Amino acid sequence: MPTVLVTGAGGPAGASLGHQLAGRGFDGREVTTVGVDLTALEGTAFTRTAAVASAADPAYAPSMRAVIDEFRPDLVIPTVQDELAQVAVLADLLTSRGDAGATVVVAGARPSALAADKLLTMWALAEAGVPVPAHTVATDFTDTAEALAWAGGAVVVKPRVSRGGRGVTVVEKPEDLDWPSDDASWVVQGFVDGPEYAPQVYRSPETGRTTVVVLEKTALKEGRVGNAASAVRAKDGAVPDVAEVAAATVEALDLVGPVDMDMRRDTAGMPYVLEVNGRFGALSAHAPELLDHVLRDWLRPGP
């Protein structure tokens, strides 16, 4: 009976995976699930739950090692953006504590670090020729007016390391924001004000083959930015340019496994990559084949 451990079990991405895994079999065997979060949750779709420290806490690695010692999972699926760079480094150390042949669904240390920091993501994609908005770090400007002049219009200011719409601000007027001129933890992007997409991508660590499912965001929780309040799956081949840019993005960053990203079109119709999350996202249930691919490529067959 394979055991799958999912981090961030109480968040949108982790909770979605819990429901997708519930009652699922693999290789003729029932899957047991363990959901971990900052507290041991109740009323979830997971078989069992446990608590771990936050990714920013020095206790994170010891607490993750402890739950892996306890549950001996065959597969670990991290879903918390803040932990990915650390998990990528710890992967081998963690899986050595799990069941024989256990794996962690995460890309290598360099790709994970690039995707975890939104400024580094923009730099790497721009260098590779993938379309991204104008971007820089907040300390390049002394005030809000200077940033607006640089962009020739509205800008988006967001934490370089964050999840979803947390801390994201659309700035259209100098009085909209007390500019963080001495804080390099903020990235600035030119605001792309067009239809938004959430490509759900899987790139096989075995073959490098990339699968893209394009979701169209129909409403956002923060109005003009942030997580999708609702989304619909586009028909296969309906938005080929978005799918092509999504595939080019994961290849440029050398990500493998599940990838969730945000893209928007500008007024001319050009799709731009806004953010990349090297993990399952909150909308992965709209693309259930991603989980199928993960189980096929990362979970070893039974005896």
C-alpha atoms as a PDB file:
ATOM      1  CA  MET A   1       0.000   0.000   0.000  1.00  0.00           C
ATOM      2  CA  PRO A   2       1.876   3.133  -1.167  1.00  0.00           C
ATOM      3  CA  THR A   3       1.891   6.177   1.088  1.00  0.00           C
ATOM      4  CA  VAL A   4       1.877   9.702  -0.353  1.00  0.00           C
ATOM      5  CA  LEU A   5       2.778  12.633   1.903  1.00  0.00           C
ATOM      6  CA  VAL A   6       1.552  16.084   0.832  1.00  0.00           C
ATOM      7  CA  THR A   7       2.787  19.314   2.420  1.00  0.00           C
ATOM      8  CA  GLY A   8       0.610  22.403   2.722  1.00  0.00           C
ATOM      9  CA  ALA A   9      -2.375  20.126   3.253  1.00  0.00           C
ATOM     10  CA  GLY A  10      -4.575  22.959   4.491  1.00  0.00           C
ATOM     11  CA  GLY A  11      -3.823  25.284   1.588  1.00  0.00           C
ATOM     12  CA  PRO A  12      -5.676  25.349  -1.734  1.00  0.00           C
ATOM     13  CA  ALA A  13      -3.083  23.290  -3.611  1.00  0.00           C
ATOM     14  CA  GLY A  14      -2.574  20.676  -0.908  1.00  0.00           C
ATOM     15  CA  ALA A  15      -6.269  20.307  -0.109  1.00  0.00           C
ATOM     16  CA  SER A  16      -7.036  19.810  -3.795  1.00  0.00           C
ATOM     17  CA  LEU A  17      -4.464  17.020  -3.981  1.00  0.00           C
ATOM     18  CA  GLY A  18      -5.972  15.405  -0.898  1.00  0.00           C
ATOM     19  CA  HIS A  19      -9.332  15.168  -2.641  1.00  0.00           C
ATOM     20  CA  GLN A  20      -7.781  13.954  -5.892  1.00  0.00           C
ATOM     21  CA  LEU A  21      -5.862  11.213  -4.076  1.00  0.00           C
ATOM     22  CA  ALA A  22      -8.780  10.089  -1.891  1.00  0.00           C
ATOM     23  CA  GLY A  23      -9.888   6.617  -2.898  1.00  0.00           C
ATOM     24  CA  ARG A  24      -7.362   6.472  -5.705  1.00  0.00           C
ATOM     25  CA  GLY A  25      -5.513   3.288  -6.461  1.00  0.00           C
ATOM     26  CA  PHE A  26      -2.126   2.845  -8.065  1.00  0.00           C
ATOM     27  CA  ASP A  27      -0.734  -0.328  -9.612  1.00  0.00           C
ATOM     28  CA  GLY A  28      -3.639  -2.253  -8.110  1.00  0.00           C
ATOM     29  CA  ARG A  29      -2.933  -0.911  -4.634  1.00  0.00           C
ATOM     30  CA  GLU A  30      -4.868   1.533  -2.486  1.00  0.00           C
ATOM     31  CA  VAL A  31      -3.054   4.813  -1.778  1.00  0.00           C
ATOM     32  CA  THR A  32      -2.686   6.020   1.817  1.00  0.00           C
ATOM     33  CA  THR A  33      -2.298   9.787   2.185  1.00  0.00           C
ATOM     34  CA  VAL A  34      -0.665  11.923   4.847  1.00  0.00           C
ATOM     35  CA  GLY A  35      -1.333  15.661   4.881  1.00  0.00           C
ATOM     36  CA  VAL A  36       1.070  17.880   6.800  1.00  0.00           C
ATOM     37  CA  ASP A  37       0.723  21.558   7.646  1.00  0.00           C
ATOM     38  CA  LEU A  38       1.577  23.949  10.468  1.00  0.00           C
ATOM     39  CA  THR A  39      -0.983  22.120  12.616  1.00  0.00           C
ATOM     40  CA  ALA A  40      -2.427  18.619  12.395  1.00  0.00           C
ATOM     41  CA  LEU A  41      -5.644  19.285  10.497  1.00  0.00           C
ATOM     42  CA  GLU A  42      -9.051  17.721  11.072  1.00  0.00           C
ATOM     43  CA  GLY A  43     -11.839  17.057   8.600  1.00  0.00           C
ATOM     44  CA  THR A  44      -9.592  16.685   5.562  1.00  0.00           C
ATOM     45  CA  ALA A  45      -9.585  14.184   2.712  1.00  0.00           C
ATOM     46  CA  PHE A  46      -6.249  12.792   3.927  1.00  0.00           C
ATOM     47  CA  THR A  47      -5.966   9.426   5.661  1.00  0.00           C
ATOM     48  CA  ARG A  48      -3.787  10.949   8.382  1.00  0.00           C
ATOM     49  CA  THR A  49      -2.428  14.394   9.212  1.00  0.00           C
ATOM     50  CA  ALA A  50       0.555  15.783  11.097  1.00  0.00           C
ATOM     51  CA  ALA A  51       2.237  19.088  11.920  1.00  0.00           C
ATOM     52  CA  VAL A  52       5.521  20.484  10.591  1.00  0.00           C
ATOM     53  CA  ALA A  53       7.275  23.817  11.082  1.00  0.00           C
ATOM     54  CA  SER A  54       7.042  26.603   8.516  1.00  0.00           C
ATOM     55  CA  ALA A  55       9.661  26.777   5.777  1.00  0.00           C
ATOM     56  CA  ALA A  56      11.168  29.929   7.338  1.00  0.00           C
ATOM     57  CA  ASP A  57      11.622  28.224  10.718  1.00  0.00           C
ATOM     58  CA  PRO A  58      14.993  26.558  11.456  1.00  0.00           C
ATOM     59  CA  ALA A  59      12.888  23.660  12.751  1.00  0.00           C
ATOM     60  CA  TYR A  60      11.497  22.987   9.260  1.00  0.00           C
ATOM     61  CA  ALA A  61      14.070  20.391   8.169  1.00  0.00           C
ATOM     62  CA  PRO A  62      14.048  18.492  11.496  1.00  0.00           C
ATOM     63  CA  SER A  63      10.246  18.471  11.572  1.00  0.00           C
ATOM     64  CA  MET A  64      10.024  17.196   7.991  1.00  0.00           C
ATOM     65  CA  ARG A  65      12.547  14.491   8.774  1.00  0.00           C
ATOM     66  CA  ALA A  66      10.506  13.515  11.824  1.00  0.00           C
ATOM     67  CA  VAL A  67       7.243  13.059   9.900  1.00  0.00           C
ATOM     68  CA  ILE A  68       9.042  11.076   7.212  1.00  0.00           C
ATOM     69  CA  ASP A  69      10.549   8.869   9.924  1.00  0.00           C
ATOM     70  CA  GLU A  70       7.052   8.378  11.338  1.00  0.00           C
ATOM     71  CA  PHE A  71       5.103   7.678   8.149  1.00  0.00           C
ATOM     72  CA  ARG A  72       7.831   6.344   5.825  1.00  0.00           C
ATOM     73  CA  PRO A  73       6.150   7.635   2.658  1.00  0.00           C
ATOM     74  CA  ASP A  74       6.860   6.310  -0.812  1.00  0.00           C
ATOM     75  CA  LEU A  75       6.240   9.732  -2.327  1.00  0.00           C
ATOM     76  CA  VAL A  76       6.493  13.292  -0.978  1.00  0.00           C
ATOM     77  CA  ILE A  77       4.656  16.069  -2.831  1.00  0.00           C
ATOM     78  CA  PRO A  78       5.512  19.590  -1.594  1.00  0.00           C
ATOM     79  CA  THR A  79       2.913  22.266  -2.407  1.00  0.00           C
ATOM     80  CA  VAL A  80       4.167  25.271  -0.414  1.00  0.00           C
ATOM     81  CA  GLN A  81       6.014  27.792  -2.568  1.00  0.00           C
ATOM     82  CA  ASP A  82       8.245  28.967   0.281  1.00  0.00           C
ATOM     83  CA  GLU A  83       9.651  25.489   0.907  1.00  0.00           C
ATOM     84  CA  LEU A  84      10.564  24.414  -2.631  1.00  0.00           C
ATOM     85  CA  ALA A  85      14.147  25.691  -2.774  1.00  0.00           C
ATOM     86  CA  GLN A  86      14.880  24.095   0.604  1.00  0.00           C
ATOM     87  CA  VAL A  87      13.116  20.830  -0.259  1.00  0.00           C
ATOM     88  CA  ALA A  88      15.109  20.549  -3.485  1.00  0.00           C
ATOM     89  CA  VAL A  89      18.336  20.646  -1.482  1.00  0.00           C
ATOM     90  CA  LEU A  90      17.012  18.304   1.204  1.00  0.00           C
ATOM     91  CA  ALA A  91      15.320  15.828  -1.152  1.00  0.00           C
ATOM     92  CA  ASP A  92      17.920  13.068  -0.981  1.00  0.00           C
ATOM     93  CA  LEU A  93      18.338  13.464   2.771  1.00  0.00           C
ATOM     94  CA  LEU A  94      14.585  13.252   3.286  1.00  0.00           C
ATOM     95  CA  THR A  95      13.914  10.308   0.995  1.00  0.00           C
ATOM     96  CA  SER A  96      16.665   8.270   2.609  1.00  0.00           C
ATOM     97  CA  ARG A  97      14.440   8.322   5.704  1.00  0.00           C
ATOM     98  CA  GLY A  98      11.332   7.181   3.833  1.00  0.00           C
ATOM     99  CA  ASP A  99      10.448   3.827   2.373  1.00  0.00           C
ATOM    100  CA  ALA A 100      13.042   2.211   0.119  1.00  0.00           C
ATOM    101  CA  GLY A 101      13.033   3.998  -3.222  1.00  0.00           C
ATOM    102  CA  ALA A 102      11.038   6.974  -1.925  1.00  0.00           C
ATOM    103  CA  THR A 103      11.030  10.135  -4.054  1.00  0.00           C
ATOM    104  CA  VAL A 104      10.247  13.832  -3.619  1.00  0.00           C
ATOM    105  CA  VAL A 105       8.341  15.505  -6.442  1.00  0.00           C
ATOM    106  CA  VAL A 106      10.591  18.505  -6.944  1.00  0.00           C
ATOM    107  CA  ALA A 107      12.994  19.807  -9.570  1.00  0.00           C
ATOM    108  CA  GLY A 108      16.714  20.239  -8.963  1.00  0.00           C
ATOM    109  CA  ALA A 109      18.120  22.869  -6.625  1.00  0.00           C
ATOM    110  CA  ARG A 110      18.889  25.469  -9.320  1.00  0.00           C
ATOM    111  CA  PRO A 111      15.526  25.291 -11.159  1.00  0.00           C
ATOM    112  CA  SER A 112      13.643  25.274  -7.859  1.00  0.00           C
ATOM    113  CA  ALA A 113      15.537  28.333  -6.608  1.00  0.00           C
ATOM    114  CA  LEU A 114      14.900  30.221  -9.858  1.00  0.00           C
ATOM    115  CA  ALA A 115      11.173  29.504  -9.703  1.00  0.00           C
ATOM    116  CA  ALA A 116      10.922  30.282  -5.978  1.00  0.00           C
ATOM    117  CA  ASP A 117      12.139  33.885  -6.377  1.00  0.00           C
ATOM    118  CA  LYS A 118       9.972  35.969  -8.715  1.00  0.00           C
ATOM    119  CA  LEU A 119      12.798  38.341  -9.624  1.00  0.00           C
ATOM    120  CA  LEU A 120      15.148  35.482 -10.505  1.00  0.00           C
ATOM    121  CA  THR A 121      12.328  33.894 -12.507  1.00  0.00           C
ATOM    122  CA  MET A 122      11.947  37.043 -14.598  1.00  0.00           C
ATOM    123  CA  TRP A 123      15.698  37.354 -15.154  1.00  0.00           C
ATOM    124  CA  ALA A 124      16.074  33.727 -16.246  1.00  0.00           C
ATOM    125  CA  LEU A 125      13.081  33.784 -18.592  1.00  0.00           C
ATOM    126  CA  ALA A 126      14.076  37.093 -20.169  1.00  0.00           C
ATOM    127  CA  GLU A 127      17.570  35.722 -20.768  1.00  0.00           C
ATOM    128  CA  ALA A 128      16.013  32.690 -22.492  1.00  0.00           C
ATOM    129  CA  GLY A 129      13.794  34.836 -24.720  1.00  0.00           C
ATOM    130  CA  VAL A 130      10.521  33.879 -23.008  1.00  0.00           C
ATOM    131  CA  PRO A 131       8.105  36.854 -23.008  1.00  0.00           C
ATOM    132  CA  VAL A 132       7.845  38.478 -19.567  1.00  0.00           C
ATOM    133  CA  PRO A 133       6.693  41.961 -18.482  1.00  0.00           C
ATOM    134  CA  ALA A 134       9.155  44.756 -17.823  1.00  0.00           C
ATOM    135  CA  HIS A 135      10.612  43.937 -14.429  1.00  0.00           C
ATOM    136  CA  THR A 136      13.100  45.124 -11.837  1.00  0.00           C
ATOM    137  CA  VAL A 137      13.635  45.333  -8.090  1.00  0.00           C
ATOM    138  CA  ALA A 138      11.907  47.992  -5.969  1.00  0.00           C
ATOM    139  CA  THR A 139      15.197  49.557  -4.852  1.00  0.00           C
ATOM    140  CA  ASP A 140      15.811  50.757  -8.420  1.00  0.00           C
ATOM    141  CA  PHE A 141      13.346  53.599  -7.770  1.00  0.00           C
ATOM    142  CA  THR A 142      13.253  56.309  -5.145  1.00  0.00           C
ATOM    143  CA  ASP A 143       9.481  56.709  -5.180  1.00  0.00           C
ATOM    144  CA  THR A 144       6.234  55.540  -6.762  1.00  0.00           C
ATOM    145  CA  ALA A 145       6.166  58.264  -9.403  1.00  0.00           C
ATOM    146  CA  GLU A 146       9.562  57.169 -10.704  1.00  0.00           C
ATOM    147  CA  ALA A 147       8.369  53.562 -11.001  1.00  0.00           C
ATOM    148  CA  LEU A 148       5.242  54.602 -12.898  1.00  0.00           C
ATOM    149  CA  ALA A 149       7.303  56.716 -15.279  1.00  0.00           C
ATOM    150  CA  TRP A 150       9.646  53.774 -15.890  1.00  0.00           C
ATOM    151  CA  ALA A 151       6.733  51.509 -16.795  1.00  0.00           C
ATOM    152  CA  GLY A 152       4.830  54.124 -18.753  1.00  0.00           C
ATOM    153  CA  GLY A 153       1.724  53.117 -16.814  1.00  0.00           C
ATOM    154  CA  ALA A 154       0.615  50.931 -13.936  1.00  0.00           C
ATOM    155  CA  VAL A 155       2.981  48.564 -12.152  1.00  0.00           C
ATOM    156  CA  VAL A 156       2.522  45.494  -9.998  1.00  0.00           C
ATOM    157  CA  VAL A 157       4.558  45.292  -6.794  1.00  0.00           C
ATOM    158  CA  LYS A 158       4.834  41.895  -5.146  1.00  0.00           C
ATOM    159  CA  PRO A 159       7.088  40.032  -2.710  1.00  0.00           C
ATOM    160  CA  ARG A 160       9.848  38.123  -4.458  1.00  0.00           C
ATOM    161  CA  VAL A 161       8.950  35.049  -2.406  1.00  0.00           C
ATOM    162  CA  SER A 162       5.250  34.605  -1.715  1.00  0.00           C
ATOM    163  CA  ARG A 163       2.164  32.576  -2.497  1.00  0.00           C
ATOM    164  CA  GLY A 164      -0.855  33.567  -4.561  1.00  0.00           C
ATOM    165  CA  GLY A 165      -1.986  37.158  -4.241  1.00  0.00           C
ATOM    166  CA  ARG A 166      -0.428  37.803  -0.832  1.00  0.00           C
ATOM    167  CA  GLY A 167       1.164  41.236  -0.721  1.00  0.00           C
ATOM    168  CA  VAL A 168       0.467  41.966  -4.402  1.00  0.00           C
ATOM    169  CA  THR A 169      -0.473  45.575  -5.207  1.00  0.00           C
ATOM    170  CA  VAL A 170      -1.463  47.174  -8.503  1.00  0.00           C
ATOM    171  CA  VAL A 171      -0.106  50.728  -8.455  1.00  0.00           C
ATOM    172  CA  GLU A 172      -1.645  53.262 -10.841  1.00  0.00           C
ATOM    173  CA  LYS A 173      -1.058  56.575  -9.041  1.00  0.00           C
ATOM    174  CA  PRO A 174       1.824  57.891  -6.896  1.00  0.00           C
ATOM    175  CA  GLU A 175      -0.423  57.955  -3.837  1.00  0.00           C
ATOM    176  CA  ASP A 176      -1.335  54.262  -4.191  1.00  0.00           C
ATOM    177  CA  LEU A 177       1.772  53.019  -2.372  1.00  0.00           C
ATOM    178  CA  ASP A 178       4.412  54.204   0.066  1.00  0.00           C
ATOM    179  CA  TRP A 179       7.305  53.055  -2.118  1.00  0.00           C
ATOM    180  CA  PRO A 180       9.675  50.457  -0.521  1.00  0.00           C
ATOM    181  CA  SER A 181      12.774  52.180  -1.920  1.00  0.00           C
ATOM    182  CA  ASP A 182      15.162  50.524   0.531  1.00  0.00           C
ATOM    183  CA  ASP A 183      13.674  47.015   0.448  1.00  0.00           C
ATOM    184  CA  ALA A 184      15.041  44.650  -2.206  1.00  0.00           C
ATOM    185  CA  SER A 185      12.583  41.901  -1.260  1.00  0.00           C
ATOM    186  CA  TRP A 186      10.004  43.408  -3.656  1.00  0.00           C
ATOM    187  CA  VAL A 187       9.844  42.851  -7.408  1.00  0.00           C
ATOM    188  CA  VAL A 188       8.215  45.356  -9.760  1.00  0.00           C
ATOM    189  CA  GLN A 189       6.520  44.397 -13.027  1.00  0.00           C
ATOM    190  CA  GLY A 190       4.808  46.429 -15.679  1.00  0.00           C
ATOM    191  CA  PHE A 191       1.080  45.687 -15.367  1.00  0.00           C
ATOM    192  CA  VAL A 192      -0.272  43.515 -18.182  1.00  0.00           C
ATOM    193  CA  ASP A 193      -4.002  44.218 -18.268  1.00  0.00           C
ATOM    194  CA  GLY A 194      -5.491  41.480 -20.424  1.00  0.00           C
ATOM    195  CA  PRO A 195      -7.088  38.029 -20.186  1.00  0.00           C
ATOM    196  CA  GLU A 196      -5.357  35.835 -17.618  1.00  0.00           C
ATOM    197  CA  TYR A 197      -4.453  32.171 -17.894  1.00  0.00           C
ATOM    198  CA  ALA A 198      -3.206  29.535 -15.471  1.00  0.00           C
ATOM    199  CA  PRO A 199      -1.368  26.897 -17.509  1.00  0.00           C
ATOM    200  CA  GLN A 200      -1.067  23.604 -15.647  1.00  0.00           C
ATOM    201  CA  VAL A 201       2.099  21.951 -16.878  1.00  0.00           C
ATOM    202  CA  TYR A 202       3.846  18.644 -16.357  1.00  0.00           C
ATOM    203  CA  ARG A 203       7.367  17.896 -17.568  1.00  0.00           C
ATOM    204  CA  SER A 204       8.576  14.336 -17.205  1.00  0.00           C
ATOM    205  CA  PRO A 205      11.892  13.837 -15.391  1.00  0.00           C
ATOM    206  CA  GLU A 206      12.313  10.658 -17.418  1.00  0.00           C
ATOM    207  CA  THR A 207      11.687  11.815 -20.992  1.00  0.00           C
ATOM    208  CA  GLY A 208      11.476  15.612 -20.790  1.00  0.00           C
ATOM    209  CA  ARG A 209       8.083  15.422 -22.492  1.00  0.00           C
ATOM    210  CA  THR A 210       5.877  18.377 -21.574  1.00  0.00           C
ATOM    211  CA  THR A 211       2.094  18.290 -21.134  1.00  0.00           C
ATOM    212  CA  VAL A 212       0.225  21.612 -20.985  1.00  0.00           C
ATOM    213  CA  VAL A 213      -3.398  22.159 -19.961  1.00  0.00           C
ATOM    214  CA  VAL A 214      -4.444  25.800 -20.329  1.00  0.00           C
ATOM    215  CA  LEU A 215      -6.966  27.181 -17.850  1.00  0.00           C
ATOM    216  CA  GLU A 216      -8.661  30.515 -18.407  1.00  0.00           C
ATOM    217  CA  LYS A 217      -9.187  32.517 -15.224  1.00  0.00           C
ATOM    218  CA  THR A 218     -12.715  33.923 -15.216  1.00  0.00           C
ATOM    219  CA  ALA A 219     -12.527  35.775 -11.872  1.00  0.00           C
ATOM    220  CA  LEU A 220      -9.747  36.754  -9.446  1.00  0.00           C
ATOM    221  CA  LYS A 221     -10.043  36.820  -5.654  1.00  0.00           C
ATOM    222  CA  GLU A 222      -8.292  40.192  -5.378  1.00  0.00           C
ATOM    223  CA  GLY A 223     -10.155  41.709  -8.322  1.00  0.00           C
ATOM    224  CA  ARG A 224      -7.398  42.483 -10.829  1.00  0.00           C
ATOM    225  CA  VAL A 225      -4.661  40.224  -9.444  1.00  0.00           C
ATOM    226  CA  GLY A 226      -4.187  37.157  -7.281  1.00  0.00           C
ATOM    227  CA  ASN A 227      -5.541  33.629  -7.159  1.00  0.00           C
ATOM    228  CA  ALA A 228      -8.376  32.580  -9.415  1.00  0.00           C
ATOM    229  CA  ALA A 229     -11.834  32.621  -7.866  1.00  0.00           C
ATOM    230  CA  SER A 230     -12.965  30.569 -10.861  1.00  0.00           C
ATOM    231  CA  ALA A 231     -11.427  29.112 -13.997  1.00  0.00           C
ATOM    232  CA  VAL A 232     -12.410  27.026 -16.996  1.00  0.00           C
ATOM    233  CA  ARG A 233     -10.360  24.556 -18.979  1.00  0.00           C
ATOM    234  CA  ALA A 234      -9.689  25.680 -22.533  1.00  0.00           C
ATOM    235  CA  LYS A 235     -10.260  23.164 -25.286  1.00  0.00           C
ATOM    236  CA  ASP A 236      -7.122  21.422 -26.459  1.00  0.00           C
ATOM    237  CA  GLY A 237      -5.445  23.558 -29.119  1.00  0.00           C
ATOM    238  CA  ALA A 238      -7.688  26.575 -28.475  1.00  0.00           C
ATOM    239  CA  VAL A 239      -4.854  28.824 -27.253  1.00  0.00           C
ATOM    240  CA  PRO A 240      -1.703  27.368 -28.827  1.00  0.00           C
ATOM    241  CA  ASP A 241       0.457  30.437 -28.191  1.00  0.00           C
ATOM    242  CA  VAL A 242      -0.195  30.262 -24.443  1.00  0.00           C
ATOM    243  CA  ALA A 243       0.590  26.542 -24.421  1.00  0.00           C
ATOM    244  CA  GLU A 244       3.796  27.102 -26.386  1.00  0.00           C
ATOM    245  CA  VAL A 245       5.021  29.830 -24.033  1.00  0.00           C
ATOM    246  CA  ALA A 246       4.158  27.660 -21.011  1.00  0.00           C
ATOM    247  CA  ALA A 247       6.201  24.768 -22.411  1.00  0.00           C
ATOM    248  CA  ALA A 248       9.096  27.093 -23.242  1.00  0.00           C
ATOM    249  CA  THR A 249       8.987  28.411 -19.674  1.00  0.00           C
ATOM    250  CA  VAL A 250       9.464  25.065 -17.940  1.00  0.00           C
ATOM    251  CA  GLU A 251      12.167  24.113 -20.424  1.00  0.00           C
ATOM    252  CA  ALA A 252      14.015  27.418 -19.938  1.00  0.00           C
ATOM    253  CA  LEU A 253      13.985  26.980 -16.158  1.00  0.00           C
ATOM    254  CA  ASP A 254      14.647  23.222 -16.453  1.00  0.00           C
ATOM    255  CA  LEU A 255      11.713  22.444 -14.180  1.00  0.00           C
ATOM    256  CA  VAL A 256      10.335  18.914 -13.986  1.00  0.00           C
ATOM    257  CA  GLY A 257       7.177  17.575 -12.397  1.00  0.00           C
ATOM    258  CA  PRO A 258       4.017  19.653 -11.958  1.00  0.00           C
ATOM    259  CA  VAL A 259       4.197  23.389 -12.608  1.00  0.00           C
ATOM    260  CA  ASP A 260       1.533  26.041 -12.067  1.00  0.00           C
ATOM    261  CA  MET A 261       1.935  29.442 -13.697  1.00  0.00           C
ATOM    262  CA  ASP A 262       0.192  32.737 -14.338  1.00  0.00           C
ATOM    263  CA  MET A 263       0.142  34.376 -17.760  1.00  0.00           C
ATOM    264  CA  ARG A 264      -1.642  37.361 -19.283  1.00  0.00           C
ATOM    265  CA  ARG A 265      -2.084  38.829 -22.717  1.00  0.00           C
ATOM    266  CA  ASP A 266      -1.323  42.469 -23.422  1.00  0.00           C
ATOM    267  CA  THR A 267      -3.514  44.715 -25.565  1.00  0.00           C
ATOM    268  CA  ALA A 268      -1.805  43.392 -28.700  1.00  0.00           C
ATOM    269  CA  GLY A 269      -2.617  39.798 -27.730  1.00  0.00           C
ATOM    270  CA  MET A 270       0.929  38.737 -26.763  1.00  0.00           C
ATOM    271  CA  PRO A 271       1.036  36.292 -23.809  1.00  0.00           C
ATOM    272  CA  TYR A 272       3.449  37.131 -20.994  1.00  0.00           C
ATOM    273  CA  VAL A 273       4.587  34.949 -18.098  1.00  0.00           C
ATOM    274  CA  LEU A 274       3.895  36.649 -14.762  1.00  0.00           C
ATOM    275  CA  GLU A 275       4.777  33.951 -12.222  1.00  0.00           C
ATOM    276  CA  VAL A 276       5.938  30.343 -12.129  1.00  0.00           C
ATOM    277  CA  ASN A 277       5.299  27.893  -9.290  1.00  0.00           C
ATOM    278  CA  GLY A 278       7.323  24.692  -9.482  1.00  0.00           C
ATOM    279  CA  ARG A 279       4.599  22.613  -7.843  1.00  0.00           C
ATOM    280  CA  PHE A 280       0.933  21.677  -8.028  1.00  0.00           C
ATOM    281  CA  GLY A 281      -1.337  24.717  -7.854  1.00  0.00           C
ATOM    282  CA  ALA A 282      -4.789  25.344  -6.451  1.00  0.00           C
ATOM    283  CA  LEU A 283      -6.393  24.622  -9.836  1.00  0.00           C
ATOM    284  CA  SER A 284      -4.775  21.249 -10.526  1.00  0.00           C
ATOM    285  CA  ALA A 285      -8.091  19.401 -10.250  1.00  0.00           C
ATOM    286  CA  HIS A 286      -8.984  20.986 -13.609  1.00  0.00           C
ATOM    287  CA  ALA A 287      -6.062  19.012 -15.070  1.00  0.00           C
ATOM    288  CA  PRO A 288      -6.195  15.616 -13.317  1.00  0.00           C
ATOM    289  CA  GLU A 289      -3.758  14.123 -15.801  1.00  0.00           C
ATOM    290  CA  LEU A 290      -0.945  15.970 -13.995  1.00  0.00           C
ATOM    291  CA  LEU A 291      -1.406  13.773 -10.931  1.00  0.00           C
ATOM    292  CA  ASP A 292      -1.601  10.712 -13.178  1.00  0.00           C
ATOM    293  CA  HIS A 293       1.771  11.663 -14.663  1.00  0.00           C
ATOM    294  CA  VAL A 294       3.303  12.197 -11.217  1.00  0.00           C
ATOM    295  CA  LEU A 295       2.193   8.809  -9.934  1.00  0.00           C
ATOM    296  CA  ARG A 296       3.415   7.115 -13.108  1.00  0.00           C
ATOM    297  CA  ASP A 297       6.854   8.782 -13.144  1.00  0.00           C
ATOM    298  CA  TRP A 298       7.647   9.211  -9.451  1.00  0.00           C
ATOM    299  CA  LEU A 299       5.907   6.400  -7.551  1.00  0.00           C
ATOM    300  CA  ARG A 300       7.619   3.068  -7.968  1.00  0.00           C
ATOM    301  CA  PRO A 301       5.516  -0.003  -8.883  1.00  0.00           C
ATOM    302  CA  GLY A 302       4.745  -2.549  -6.206  1.00  0.00           C
ATOM    303  CA  PRO A 303       6.412  -5.947  -5.988  1.00  0.00           C
END
